[in-house]
Amino acid sequence: MNRNKSNSKFPELAEALRDIRHYFGFAALFSAAVNLLMLTPIIYMLQVYDRVVASGSVPTLGMLTLLMVCLLLSMGGFEWVRSMVMIGASNRLEQRLRQRVAEATFNRALLSGGMTTSAQPMNDLSQLRQFLTGSSLFAFFDAPWVPIYIFVMYLFHPYFALVGVIAIIIMLLLALANEKTTSPKLQDANSLNSAVNNQLTGTLRNAEVIAAMGMGKEVRARQEDGSEQVMELQSAASRQAGAFTSISKSLRIIMQSLTLGLGALLALQQQISPGMMIAGSLLLGRALAPIDLLVNTWRGFSVARAQYRRLGELLEQLPPRKQPMSLPAPTGRLSVEGLFVLPPASQTFVVRNANFELEPGEALGIVGPSASGKSSLARAILGVWPSARGAVRLDGAEIFTWDREELGPHLGYLPQDIELFDGSIADNICRFGGQDSDAIVDAAQLAGVHELILTLPNGYNTLIGGAGGVLSGGQRQRIGLARAVYRNPRLIVLDEPNSNLDDQGERELVEAIDRIKRRGCTVIVISHRTMVLQSMDKMLVLKEGATVSYGPRTQVLASLMKPAAKLPQSAAS
């Protein structure tokens, strides 16, 4: 899409709406048919009063009744088709945007370092689709027919048209007042509600900690305060909207009754027929119906507009990446050149001027005190965080020039916080790709976890949840390692892979790293425990983001053993 061709504030959304504009065209066409056929009961009543009653012709009444029934059945069919058209439009809109919104939501969470994990954009897209299928949207298709109804009323008598215009102006003013008074409150309530939902998500994620330390009452009190504010804002908006809705409904009924009275006066003066007297009141009700629906459903329009704005801002902030050219499969040669790393939403470098090179099959151990930038460096190496300066090159190509979908199978990553996903152990190891039993078992054996899996109730088919289900912390870590080494990736980054392991588990981890190296994989291990460092060829020591020492393992360890620079023993960052 050429973004320069659109003057819209949110060109991607505008382009998606243009893609379904023919659906709106068909909906408008069927709306025209529906609104024309809406005149059927009025014309029928007019003919019955002015012709059938006056002439006493039963055959005429029968033919008029048959024609009226057929036309109203057709109107019902057109309304159904119009609904089907809008359902098709809403489905196509979501299908076009779903992957893009999901990608932008994922990238926002990635760039925020996991601080922004709300699924609100996907909810916004789903609710926007539902809005397109709701009856309130049809008020926009029916509104252009209001002048036509007023014109027909004018043909009956100019006074009818004058009453109709006055009623419509008053109702439009009510709709505008409704928007001005309720929209700000709804926007504030939606923003606050999103923050409360994020708090609740964090509470559920840390339920064990909250229960263990008796924090439940305080955490719930904090959420209650936010929920109470949301409720107050929504209630205030609903009260105001309810007041406008009641006034609008009362006004519509009053104006219809006054029109009937006006028609009676005109009929007594012999200016119109008795049938026109009733038809004028019915026409006014039909003319006011779309306006009344707009007033009653204005809250839905306000919410949909806010959803549209949030989606547009998200897609504008995170434009789609250009598809990079495919590159040959990497061998694992890694080069970090003058790398500076800035965490998301931060102005302070956490890694400064990092430089090192690794050949395929080499292993690098990264150590340093807490908050020294070790995990941040790992994220930059994997391309999770962009580099502020310098470059990370894999086989000579900067990490961001690789296609992520193509590069992913050649990378392995075990983060500090091991996240397993809902599914079987086999699903998690094979990264939810097509299950290859031989490759899954090979990865488990390489990680030294095959025997452990066989002891589980259903072996590789054992179902686990996001928190690991029946698995302990050490078991989750080893399953995560098997996932990292699945299909022998060329570059593997292990961030504190032994944090949940006992001495036996750590020895098995050392053996696993040796097996991985023998397969020609480049390995980077972040750790503060010395046993796993025995498998390293090189070591890098960080302190406050700067490189303190780098070189062969034995040389770096020897320098660290000097009294002036002991090996850091604090927890990894």
Protein backbone atom coordinates (compact mmCIF):
# COMPACT_ATOMS: atom_id res chain seq x y z
CA MET A 1 0.00 0.00 0.00
CA ASN A 2 1.24 3.45 -0.87
CA ARG A 3 0.73 5.45 2.31
CA ASN A 4 1.24 8.73 0.47
CA LYS A 5 -1.94 8.23 -1.51
CA SER A 6 -4.14 8.55 1.54
CA ASN A 7 -4.95 11.70 3.43
CA SER A 8 -6.52 9.69 6.25
CA LYS A 9 -5.12 10.00 9.72
CA PHE A 10 -4.94 6.20 9.88
CA PRO A 11 -4.18 5.08 6.30
CA GLU A 12 -4.04 1.36 7.01
CA LEU A 13 -7.51 1.31 8.52
CA ALA A 14 -8.80 3.62 5.80
CA GLU A 15 -7.41 1.26 3.16
CA ALA A 16 -9.08 -1.71 4.88
CA LEU A 17 -12.42 0.14 4.87
CA ARG A 18 -11.97 1.01 1.20
CA ASP A 19 -11.48 -2.68 0.54
CA ILE A 20 -15.01 -3.38 1.79
CA ARG A 21 -16.69 -0.28 0.34
CA HIS A 22 -18.56 -2.38 -2.22
CA TYR A 23 -20.24 -4.14 0.69
CA PHE A 24 -21.45 -0.75 1.92
CA GLY A 25 -22.68 -0.02 -1.59
CA PHE A 26 -24.79 -3.18 -1.63
CA ALA A 27 -26.02 -2.45 1.91
CA ALA A 28 -27.06 1.04 0.79
CA LEU A 29 -28.87 -0.45 -2.22
CA PHE A 30 -30.84 -2.90 -0.10
CA SER A 31 -31.48 -0.12 2.44
CA ALA A 32 -33.05 1.89 -0.37
CA ALA A 33 -35.35 -1.01 -1.17
CA VAL A 34 -36.23 -1.46 2.51
CA ASN A 35 -37.02 2.22 3.01
CA LEU A 36 -39.14 2.40 -0.12
CA LEU A 37 -41.10 -0.63 1.02
CA MET A 38 -41.49 1.00 4.45
CA LEU A 39 -44.02 3.26 2.73
CA THR A 40 -46.19 0.24 1.99
CA PRO A 41 -48.21 0.24 5.27
CA ILE A 42 -48.76 3.99 4.96
CA ILE A 43 -49.95 3.78 1.36
CA TYR A 44 -52.07 0.74 2.22
CA MET A 45 -53.74 2.58 5.09
CA LEU A 46 -54.26 5.64 2.91
CA GLN A 47 -55.95 3.60 0.19
CA VAL A 48 -58.12 1.73 2.68
CA TYR A 49 -59.38 4.94 4.29
CA ASP A 50 -59.81 7.01 1.16
CA ARG A 51 -60.86 4.37 -1.39
CA VAL A 52 -62.03 1.12 0.13
CA VAL A 53 -64.07 2.61 2.98
CA ALA A 54 -65.59 5.21 0.65
CA SER A 55 -66.42 2.71 -2.11
CA GLY A 56 -67.18 -0.36 0.03
CA SER A 57 -65.34 -2.56 -2.49
CA VAL A 58 -64.30 -5.87 -0.88
CA PRO A 59 -62.34 -7.11 -3.98
CA THR A 60 -60.29 -3.89 -3.92
CA LEU A 61 -59.54 -4.46 -0.22
CA GLY A 62 -58.49 -8.04 -0.95
CA MET A 63 -56.14 -7.09 -3.77
CA LEU A 64 -54.63 -4.24 -1.76
CA THR A 65 -54.12 -6.56 1.21
CA LEU A 66 -52.48 -9.26 -0.93
CA LEU A 67 -50.16 -6.70 -2.53
CA MET A 68 -49.31 -5.25 0.90
CA VAL A 69 -48.40 -8.68 2.30
CA CYS A 70 -46.18 -9.52 -0.69
CA LEU A 71 -44.36 -6.19 -0.49
CA LEU A 72 -43.76 -6.46 3.26
CA LEU A 73 -42.48 -10.02 2.85
CA SER A 74 -40.07 -8.68 0.23
CA MET A 75 -39.01 -5.96 2.67
CA GLY A 76 -38.19 -8.60 5.28
CA GLY A 77 -36.11 -10.46 2.70
CA PHE A 78 -34.20 -7.32 1.78
CA GLU A 79 -33.51 -6.60 5.45
CA TRP A 80 -32.13 -10.12 5.91
CA VAL A 81 -29.91 -9.77 2.83
CA ARG A 82 -28.68 -6.39 4.10
CA SER A 83 -27.69 -8.02 7.40
CA MET A 84 -25.86 -10.80 5.56
CA VAL A 85 -23.98 -8.22 3.48
CA MET A 86 -22.78 -6.40 6.60
CA ILE A 87 -21.78 -9.68 8.26
CA GLY A 88 -19.67 -10.44 5.18
CA ALA A 89 -18.14 -6.95 5.33
CA SER A 90 -17.28 -7.25 9.02
CA ASN A 91 -15.74 -10.71 8.54
CA ARG A 92 -13.62 -9.51 5.64
CA LEU A 93 -12.46 -6.48 7.65
CA GLU A 94 -11.34 -8.67 10.55
CA GLN A 95 -9.69 -11.22 8.25
CA ARG A 96 -7.73 -8.44 6.56
CA LEU A 97 -6.60 -6.79 9.80
CA ARG A 98 -6.37 -9.71 12.23
CA GLN A 99 -2.85 -10.82 11.41
CA ARG A 100 -1.59 -7.25 11.14
CA VAL A 101 -3.12 -6.22 14.49
CA ALA A 102 -1.85 -9.40 16.16
CA GLU A 103 1.65 -8.73 14.80
CA ALA A 104 1.57 -5.11 15.97
CA THR A 105 0.30 -6.16 19.41
CA PHE A 106 3.07 -8.74 19.66
CA ASN A 107 5.73 -6.26 18.54
CA ARG A 108 4.50 -3.68 21.04
CA ALA A 109 4.85 -6.23 23.83
CA LEU A 110 8.27 -7.16 22.50
CA LEU A 111 9.56 -3.60 22.31
CA SER A 112 8.17 -2.77 25.74
CA GLY A 113 10.15 -5.58 27.30
CA GLY A 114 6.93 -7.35 28.27
CA MET A 115 5.56 -4.30 30.10
CA THR A 116 2.68 -3.92 27.62
CA THR A 117 0.97 -7.30 27.32
CA SER A 118 -2.69 -6.30 26.91
CA ALA A 119 -4.77 -8.05 24.24
CA GLN A 120 -6.95 -4.92 23.98
CA PRO A 121 -6.20 -4.34 20.26
CA MET A 122 -7.54 -7.79 19.34
CA ASN A 123 -10.61 -7.14 21.49
CA ASP A 124 -11.04 -3.77 19.77
CA LEU A 125 -10.93 -5.42 16.36
CA SER A 126 -13.46 -8.07 17.38
CA GLN A 127 -15.84 -5.50 18.87
CA LEU A 128 -15.48 -3.25 15.83
CA ARG A 129 -16.52 -6.21 13.69
CA GLN A 130 -19.54 -6.78 15.93
CA PHE A 131 -20.46 -3.10 15.64
CA LEU A 132 -20.60 -3.42 11.86
CA THR A 133 -23.17 -6.19 12.19
CA GLY A 134 -25.31 -4.36 14.77
CA SER A 135 -28.61 -2.67 14.05
CA SER A 136 -27.28 0.75 15.11
CA LEU A 137 -25.15 1.00 11.96
CA PHE A 138 -28.27 0.70 9.80
CA ALA A 139 -29.36 4.08 11.14
CA PHE A 140 -26.67 5.60 8.90
CA PHE A 141 -28.12 3.81 5.87
CA ASP A 142 -31.65 4.88 6.76
CA ALA A 143 -30.82 8.50 7.65
CA PRO A 144 -30.46 9.68 3.98
CA TRP A 145 -34.12 8.70 3.46
CA VAL A 146 -35.35 11.12 6.09
CA PRO A 147 -35.57 14.03 3.56
CA ILE A 148 -37.59 11.79 1.24
CA TYR A 149 -40.11 11.06 3.99
CA ILE A 150 -40.27 14.78 4.77
CA PHE A 151 -40.89 15.47 1.07
CA VAL A 152 -43.77 12.99 0.99
CA MET A 153 -45.18 14.71 4.09
CA TYR A 154 -44.87 18.01 2.21
CA LEU A 155 -46.92 16.55 -0.60
CA PHE A 156 -49.63 15.78 1.95
CA HIS A 157 -49.44 19.31 3.40
CA PRO A 158 -46.59 21.80 4.01
CA TYR A 159 -47.46 21.99 7.71
CA PHE A 160 -46.65 18.30 8.08
CA ALA A 161 -43.19 18.89 6.61
CA LEU A 162 -42.63 21.90 8.87
CA VAL A 163 -43.43 19.86 12.01
CA GLY A 164 -41.11 17.10 10.76
CA VAL A 165 -38.20 19.48 10.18
CA ILE A 166 -38.60 21.04 13.64
CA ALA A 167 -38.69 17.60 15.29
CA ILE A 168 -35.60 16.42 13.40
CA ILE A 169 -33.61 19.53 14.30
CA ILE A 170 -34.45 19.11 18.00
CA MET A 171 -33.51 15.42 17.95
CA LEU A 172 -30.21 16.13 16.17
CA LEU A 173 -29.41 18.72 18.81
CA LEU A 174 -30.15 16.07 21.46
CA ALA A 175 -27.81 13.63 19.70
CA LEU A 176 -25.04 16.25 19.59
CA ALA A 177 -25.53 17.08 23.27
CA ASN A 178 -25.46 13.37 24.08
CA GLU A 179 -22.14 13.02 22.29
CA LYS A 180 -20.56 16.05 23.92
CA THR A 181 -21.52 15.03 27.46
CA THR A 182 -21.03 11.25 27.41
CA SER A 183 -18.08 10.68 25.05
CA PRO A 184 -15.33 12.12 27.34
CA LYS A 185 -16.56 10.07 30.29
CA LEU A 186 -16.67 6.89 28.21
CA GLN A 187 -13.14 7.47 26.91
CA ASP A 188 -11.82 7.98 30.44
CA ALA A 189 -13.71 4.91 31.65
CA ASN A 190 -12.32 2.73 28.84
CA SER A 191 -8.74 3.87 29.49
CA LEU A 192 -9.06 3.28 33.22
CA ASN A 193 -10.77 -0.07 32.65
CA SER A 194 -7.85 -1.20 30.48
CA ALA A 195 -5.43 -0.33 33.31
CA VAL A 196 -7.58 -2.22 35.84
CA ASN A 197 -7.65 -5.29 33.57
CA ASN A 198 -3.87 -5.18 33.27
CA GLN A 199 -3.62 -5.08 37.08
CA LEU A 200 -5.94 -8.08 37.30
CA THR A 201 -3.85 -9.99 34.77
CA GLY A 202 -0.73 -9.30 36.84
CA THR A 203 -2.53 -10.42 39.99
CA LEU A 204 -3.58 -13.73 38.45
CA ARG A 205 -0.09 -14.29 37.08
CA ASN A 206 1.40 -13.80 40.55
CA ALA A 207 -1.35 -15.50 42.56
CA GLU A 208 1.11 -17.73 44.45
CA VAL A 209 3.22 -14.80 45.62
CA ILE A 210 0.15 -12.83 46.69
CA ALA A 211 -1.30 -15.77 48.61
CA ALA A 212 2.02 -16.70 50.25
CA MET A 213 2.68 -13.21 51.57
CA GLY A 214 -0.90 -12.32 52.44
CA MET A 215 -1.07 -9.45 49.95
CA GLY A 216 -4.55 -10.34 48.67
CA LYS A 217 -6.49 -7.76 50.66
CA GLU A 218 -4.21 -4.87 49.68
CA VAL A 219 -4.07 -5.89 46.01
CA ARG A 220 -7.84 -6.32 45.83
CA ALA A 221 -8.36 -2.95 47.53
CA ARG A 222 -6.22 -1.29 44.87
CA GLN A 223 -8.20 -2.97 42.11
CA GLU A 224 -11.46 -2.09 43.83
CA ASP A 225 -10.52 1.60 43.77
CA GLY A 226 -9.90 1.45 40.04
CA SER A 227 -13.06 -0.57 39.37
CA GLU A 228 -15.09 1.87 41.46
CA GLN A 229 -13.82 4.80 39.38
CA VAL A 230 -14.66 2.93 36.16
CA MET A 231 -18.15 2.18 37.45
CA GLU A 232 -18.72 5.80 38.45
CA LEU A 233 -17.62 7.12 35.07
CA GLN A 234 -19.69 4.56 33.16
CA SER A 235 -22.70 5.13 35.40
CA ALA A 236 -22.50 8.89 34.93
CA ALA A 237 -22.29 8.46 31.16
CA SER A 238 -25.17 5.95 31.21
CA ARG A 239 -27.33 8.26 33.32
CA GLN A 240 -26.78 11.13 30.93
CA ALA A 241 -27.33 8.94 27.89
CA GLY A 242 -30.48 7.51 29.49
CA ALA A 243 -31.82 11.00 30.09
CA PHE A 244 -31.26 11.99 26.46
CA THR A 245 -32.80 8.72 25.28
CA SER A 246 -35.91 9.28 27.37
CA ILE A 247 -36.26 12.86 26.18
CA SER A 248 -35.81 11.75 22.57
CA LYS A 249 -38.41 8.99 22.89
CA SER A 250 -40.92 11.29 24.58
CA LEU A 251 -40.33 13.98 21.96
CA ARG A 252 -40.93 11.51 19.13
CA ILE A 253 -44.22 10.35 20.60
CA ILE A 254 -45.32 13.92 21.36
CA MET A 255 -44.52 15.12 17.84
CA GLN A 256 -46.36 12.18 16.28
CA SER A 257 -49.40 12.92 18.44
CA LEU A 258 -49.25 16.62 17.59
CA THR A 259 -49.00 15.71 13.91
CA LEU A 260 -52.12 13.60 14.27
CA GLY A 261 -53.88 16.51 15.92
CA LEU A 262 -52.68 18.86 13.19
CA GLY A 263 -53.95 16.39 10.60
CA ALA A 264 -57.35 16.28 12.28
CA LEU A 265 -57.54 20.09 12.18
CA LEU A 266 -56.59 20.16 8.50
CA ALA A 267 -59.11 17.39 7.75
CA LEU A 268 -61.85 19.35 9.50
CA GLN A 269 -60.93 22.31 7.32
CA GLN A 270 -61.20 20.03 4.25
CA GLN A 271 -57.52 20.64 3.34
CA ILE A 272 -56.59 16.94 3.51
CA SER A 273 -58.45 13.63 3.54
CA PRO A 274 -58.89 11.55 6.74
CA GLY A 275 -56.40 9.03 5.39
CA MET A 276 -53.72 11.70 5.02
CA MET A 277 -54.38 12.73 8.62
CA ILE A 278 -53.18 9.33 9.91
CA ALA A 279 -50.58 8.86 7.17
CA GLY A 280 -48.86 12.12 8.14
CA SER A 281 -48.40 10.91 11.72
CA LEU A 282 -47.05 7.54 10.55
CA LEU A 283 -44.67 9.19 8.12
CA LEU A 284 -43.27 11.42 10.85
CA GLY A 285 -42.65 8.35 13.02
CA ARG A 286 -40.82 6.70 10.16
CA ALA A 287 -38.77 9.86 9.46
CA LEU A 288 -37.75 10.18 13.11
CA ALA A 289 -36.90 6.48 13.57
CA PRO A 290 -33.27 6.67 12.26
CA ILE A 291 -32.62 9.85 14.28
CA ASP A 292 -34.09 8.23 17.39
CA LEU A 293 -31.93 5.14 16.84
CA LEU A 294 -28.82 7.33 16.51
CA VAL A 295 -29.58 9.00 19.83
CA ASN A 296 -30.29 5.69 21.58
CA THR A 297 -27.14 3.96 20.28
CA TRP A 298 -24.75 6.90 20.38
CA ARG A 299 -22.74 5.21 23.11
CA GLY A 300 -22.01 2.36 20.70
CA PHE A 301 -20.81 4.84 18.09
CA SER A 302 -18.56 6.53 20.65
CA VAL A 303 -17.07 3.21 21.72
CA ALA A 304 -16.54 2.12 18.10
CA ARG A 305 -14.85 5.42 17.29
CA ALA A 306 -12.50 4.99 20.28
CA GLN A 307 -11.70 1.44 19.15
CA TYR A 308 -10.99 2.67 15.63
CA ARG A 309 -8.69 5.37 17.00
CA ARG A 310 -6.77 2.95 19.25
CA LEU A 311 -6.28 0.49 16.40
CA GLY A 312 -5.17 3.27 14.06
CA GLU A 313 -2.65 4.60 16.57
CA LEU A 314 -1.26 1.11 17.17
CA LEU A 315 -0.80 0.39 13.46
CA GLU A 316 0.69 3.84 12.90
CA GLN A 317 3.18 3.45 15.77
CA LEU A 318 4.23 -0.03 14.58
CA PRO A 319 4.21 -0.03 10.76
CA PRO A 320 4.67 -3.36 8.99
CA ARG A 321 8.24 -4.39 8.37
CA LYS A 322 9.33 -4.77 4.79
CA GLN A 323 9.81 -8.39 3.84
CA PRO A 324 13.58 -8.93 3.77
CA MET A 325 15.28 -11.00 1.13
CA SER A 326 15.87 -14.63 2.03
CA LEU A 327 19.42 -15.47 3.06
CA PRO A 328 21.25 -18.80 3.15
CA ALA A 329 20.91 -20.80 6.36
CA PRO A 330 23.43 -19.45 8.90
CA THR A 331 26.43 -21.44 10.09
CA GLY A 332 26.53 -19.72 13.48
CA ARG A 333 29.36 -17.23 13.05
CA LEU A 334 28.47 -14.33 15.37
CA SER A 335 30.01 -10.86 15.49
CA VAL A 336 29.06 -8.11 17.93
CA GLU A 337 30.51 -4.77 16.85
CA GLY A 338 30.49 -1.68 19.10
CA LEU A 339 27.01 -2.55 20.41
CA PHE A 340 25.00 -0.08 22.50
CA VAL A 341 21.61 -1.20 23.84
CA LEU A 342 18.74 0.95 25.10
CA PRO A 343 15.82 -0.78 26.83
CA PRO A 344 12.34 0.22 25.60
CA ALA A 345 11.17 3.60 26.93
CA SER A 346 14.58 4.27 28.49
CA GLN A 347 17.24 6.88 27.81
CA THR A 348 20.08 5.07 29.56
CA PHE A 349 22.35 2.59 27.82
CA VAL A 350 22.41 -0.77 29.60
CA VAL A 351 25.10 -2.15 27.29
CA ARG A 352 27.92 0.05 26.04
CA ASN A 353 30.39 -0.70 23.27
CA ALA A 354 30.26 -4.51 23.45
CA ASN A 355 32.63 -6.27 21.03
CA PHE A 356 33.29 -9.98 20.52
CA GLU A 357 33.30 -12.70 17.86
CA LEU A 358 32.35 -16.37 17.98
CA GLU A 359 32.99 -19.06 15.41
CA PRO A 360 30.53 -21.96 14.86
CA GLY A 361 30.83 -24.45 17.70
CA GLU A 362 32.33 -21.96 20.18
CA ALA A 363 30.74 -21.23 23.55
CA LEU A 364 30.77 -17.88 25.34
CA GLY A 365 30.01 -17.41 29.02
CA ILE A 366 28.72 -14.00 30.10
CA VAL A 367 29.00 -13.11 33.78
CA GLY A 368 28.60 -10.00 35.87
CA PRO A 369 26.73 -8.58 38.83
CA SER A 370 23.01 -7.95 38.86
CA ALA A 371 21.80 -5.24 36.44
CA SER A 372 25.07 -5.32 34.53
CA GLY A 373 23.26 -5.72 31.18
CA LYS A 374 23.69 -9.45 30.58
CA SER A 375 20.05 -10.25 29.70
CA SER A 376 19.77 -7.03 27.71
CA LEU A 377 22.79 -8.06 25.66
CA ALA A 378 21.17 -11.46 25.05
CA ARG A 379 17.98 -9.81 23.77
CA ALA A 380 19.98 -7.60 21.41
CA ILE A 381 21.96 -10.59 20.10
CA LEU A 382 18.71 -12.39 19.27
CA GLY A 383 17.25 -9.29 17.63
CA VAL A 384 14.49 -8.97 20.24
CA TRP A 385 15.67 -5.47 21.14
CA PRO A 386 17.07 -3.18 18.44
CA SER A 387 20.59 -1.89 18.79
CA ALA A 388 20.95 1.83 19.51
CA ARG A 389 24.41 1.83 17.94
CA GLY A 390 26.70 -0.77 16.52
CA ALA A 391 25.58 -4.07 15.06
CA VAL A 392 24.98 -7.73 15.75
CA ARG A 393 25.92 -9.83 12.73
CA LEU A 394 25.12 -13.47 12.09
CA ASP A 395 27.19 -14.88 9.24
CA GLY A 396 28.05 -11.28 8.28
CA ALA A 397 24.41 -10.13 7.96
CA GLU A 398 22.97 -7.77 10.57
CA ILE A 399 20.46 -9.62 12.70
CA PHE A 400 17.59 -7.30 11.68
CA THR A 401 18.10 -7.97 7.97
CA TRP A 402 17.06 -11.59 8.43
CA ASP A 403 13.50 -12.72 7.88
CA ARG A 404 12.36 -13.60 11.42
CA GLU A 405 10.24 -16.54 10.29
CA GLU A 406 13.15 -18.00 8.33
CA LEU A 407 15.75 -17.22 11.01
CA GLY A 408 13.69 -18.49 13.96
CA PRO A 409 14.35 -22.23 13.42
CA HIS A 410 18.10 -21.50 13.41
CA LEU A 411 17.96 -19.77 16.83
CA GLY A 412 17.46 -21.25 20.27
CA TYR A 413 16.61 -19.24 23.36
CA LEU A 414 16.07 -20.15 26.99
CA PRO A 415 15.09 -17.01 28.94
CA GLN A 416 15.35 -16.56 32.69
CA ASP A 417 11.58 -16.79 33.08
CA ILE A 418 10.69 -20.05 31.39
CA GLU A 419 7.35 -19.83 29.61
CA LEU A 420 5.75 -23.04 28.42
CA PHE A 421 2.48 -22.90 26.53
CA ASP A 422 -0.84 -24.70 26.73
CA GLY A 423 -0.41 -28.01 24.94
CA SER A 424 1.58 -31.19 25.23
CA ILE A 425 5.27 -31.49 26.05
CA ALA A 426 5.87 -32.58 22.47
CA ASP A 427 4.07 -29.46 21.20
CA ASN A 428 6.27 -27.24 23.34
CA ILE A 429 9.50 -28.92 22.28
CA CYS A 430 8.69 -28.74 18.55
CA ARG A 431 7.63 -25.09 18.96
CA PHE A 432 4.07 -25.96 17.90
CA GLY A 433 5.22 -26.81 14.39
CA GLY A 434 4.49 -30.08 12.66
CA GLN A 435 5.42 -32.83 15.10
CA ASP A 436 8.50 -34.79 14.01
CA SER A 437 8.85 -37.57 16.58
CA ASP A 438 12.48 -38.28 15.78
CA ALA A 439 13.47 -34.60 16.03
CA ILE A 440 11.50 -34.16 19.28
CA VAL A 441 13.13 -37.16 20.92
CA ASP A 442 16.54 -36.08 19.63
CA ALA A 443 16.09 -32.62 21.18
CA ALA A 444 14.98 -34.14 24.48
CA GLN A 445 17.98 -36.48 24.52
CA LEU A 446 20.31 -33.64 23.61
CA ALA A 447 18.91 -31.64 26.56
CA GLY A 448 19.15 -34.69 28.83
CA VAL A 449 15.42 -34.71 29.58
CA HIS A 450 14.23 -37.73 27.57
CA GLU A 451 14.23 -40.16 30.49
CA LEU A 452 12.44 -37.66 32.70
CA ILE A 453 9.65 -37.19 30.13
CA LEU A 454 9.12 -40.93 29.87
CA THR A 455 8.35 -41.07 33.60
CA LEU A 456 5.46 -38.58 33.24
CA PRO A 457 1.88 -39.96 33.10
CA ASN A 458 1.49 -39.61 29.32
CA GLY A 459 5.12 -39.16 28.33
CA TYR A 460 5.54 -36.69 25.49
CA ASN A 461 1.74 -36.31 25.27
CA THR A 462 1.48 -34.99 28.84
CA LEU A 463 -0.57 -31.80 28.76
CA ILE A 464 0.82 -28.75 30.52
CA GLY A 465 -0.40 -25.19 30.98
CA GLY A 466 1.30 -21.84 30.66
CA ALA A 467 2.87 -22.19 34.11
CA GLY A 468 4.18 -25.66 33.38
CA GLY A 469 1.31 -27.62 34.88
CA VAL A 470 2.62 -30.75 36.61
CA LEU A 471 6.26 -29.81 36.05
CA SER A 472 8.65 -28.43 38.64
CA GLY A 473 10.82 -25.39 38.00
CA GLY A 474 13.82 -27.53 37.08
CA GLN A 475 11.74 -29.72 34.76
CA ARG A 476 10.29 -26.68 33.01
CA GLN A 477 13.81 -25.36 32.54
CA ARG A 478 14.99 -28.59 30.96
CA ILE A 479 11.92 -28.79 28.70
CA GLY A 480 12.71 -25.20 27.71
CA LEU A 481 16.26 -26.27 26.88
CA ALA A 482 14.93 -29.10 24.69
CA ARG A 483 12.78 -26.52 22.86
CA ALA A 484 15.83 -24.28 22.43
CA VAL A 485 17.92 -27.04 20.82
CA TYR A 486 15.11 -28.48 18.65
CA ARG A 487 16.41 -29.27 15.15
CA ASN A 488 19.95 -28.15 16.02
CA PRO A 489 19.80 -24.35 15.70
CA ARG A 490 23.03 -22.59 14.78
CA LEU A 491 22.95 -20.01 17.60
CA ILE A 492 21.68 -20.81 21.10
CA VAL A 493 21.39 -18.30 23.95
CA LEU A 494 20.81 -19.66 27.45
CA ASP A 495 19.99 -17.09 30.13
CA GLU A 496 20.56 -18.61 33.60
CA PRO A 497 19.82 -22.16 32.39
CA ASN A 498 20.83 -23.62 35.76
CA SER A 499 18.89 -21.29 38.07
CA ASN A 500 16.39 -24.04 39.00
CA LEU A 501 18.75 -27.01 38.81
CA ASP A 502 20.41 -28.96 41.61
CA ASP A 503 24.03 -30.16 41.39
CA GLN A 504 23.05 -33.29 39.43
CA GLY A 505 20.92 -31.25 37.04
CA GLU A 506 23.76 -28.79 36.53
CA ARG A 507 26.19 -31.59 35.71
CA GLU A 508 23.70 -32.88 33.14
CA LEU A 509 23.41 -29.35 31.77
CA VAL A 510 27.20 -29.18 31.30
CA GLU A 511 27.09 -32.49 29.43
CA ALA A 512 24.21 -31.20 27.29
CA ILE A 513 26.17 -28.05 26.37
CA ASP A 514 29.15 -30.20 25.38
CA ARG A 515 26.88 -32.27 23.12
CA ILE A 516 25.43 -29.11 21.58
CA LYS A 517 28.90 -27.72 20.88
CA ARG A 518 29.97 -30.93 19.20
CA ARG A 519 27.14 -30.44 16.71
CA GLY A 520 28.68 -27.13 15.64
CA CYS A 521 26.20 -24.86 17.44
CA THR A 522 27.37 -21.48 18.71
CA VAL A 523 26.37 -21.22 22.38
CA ILE A 524 26.08 -18.20 24.68
CA VAL A 525 25.45 -18.91 28.36
CA ILE A 526 24.61 -16.26 30.96
CA SER A 527 25.29 -17.55 34.45
CA HIS A 528 26.67 -16.64 37.85
CA ARG A 529 27.43 -20.25 38.83
CA THR A 530 30.88 -21.56 37.96
CA MET A 531 30.17 -25.21 37.11
CA VAL A 532 28.47 -24.48 33.79
CA LEU A 533 31.31 -22.13 32.82
CA GLN A 534 33.63 -25.12 32.53
CA SER A 535 32.15 -25.79 29.09
CA MET A 536 32.88 -22.29 27.81
CA ASP A 537 35.62 -21.44 25.35
CA LYS A 538 35.47 -17.71 25.96
CA MET A 539 34.16 -15.44 28.68
CA LEU A 540 32.83 -11.91 28.79
CA VAL A 541 32.56 -9.99 32.06
CA LEU A 542 30.14 -7.06 32.24
CA LYS A 543 29.79 -4.39 34.88
CA GLU A 544 27.27 -1.56 34.56
CA GLY A 545 26.92 -2.32 30.87
CA ALA A 546 30.63 -2.06 30.07
CA THR A 547 33.04 -4.87 29.22
CA VAL A 548 35.45 -5.50 32.11
CA SER A 549 37.20 -8.49 30.59
CA TYR A 550 36.91 -10.64 27.48
CA GLY A 551 38.97 -13.50 26.13
CA PRO A 552 39.66 -17.23 26.52
CA ARG A 553 37.98 -18.75 29.57
CA THR A 554 41.16 -19.67 31.43
CA GLN A 555 42.67 -16.24 30.89
CA VAL A 556 39.54 -14.38 32.08
CA LEU A 557 39.08 -16.67 35.08
CA ALA A 558 42.70 -16.14 36.06
CA SER A 559 42.28 -12.37 35.94
CA LEU A 560 39.09 -12.59 37.99
CA MET A 561 40.75 -14.65 40.68
CA LYS A 562 43.09 -11.79 41.48
CA PRO A 563 42.17 -9.96 44.70
CA ALA A 564 41.28 -6.80 42.82
CA ALA A 565 38.64 -8.50 40.68
CA LYS A 566 36.91 -11.51 42.15
CA LEU A 567 34.31 -13.44 40.17
CA PRO A 568 30.89 -11.85 40.74
CA GLN A 569 28.57 -14.10 42.74
CA SER A 570 25.36 -12.08 42.65
CA ALA A 571 22.27 -13.14 40.77
CA ALA A 572 22.06 -12.54 37.02
CA SER A 573 20.20 -9.57 35.67
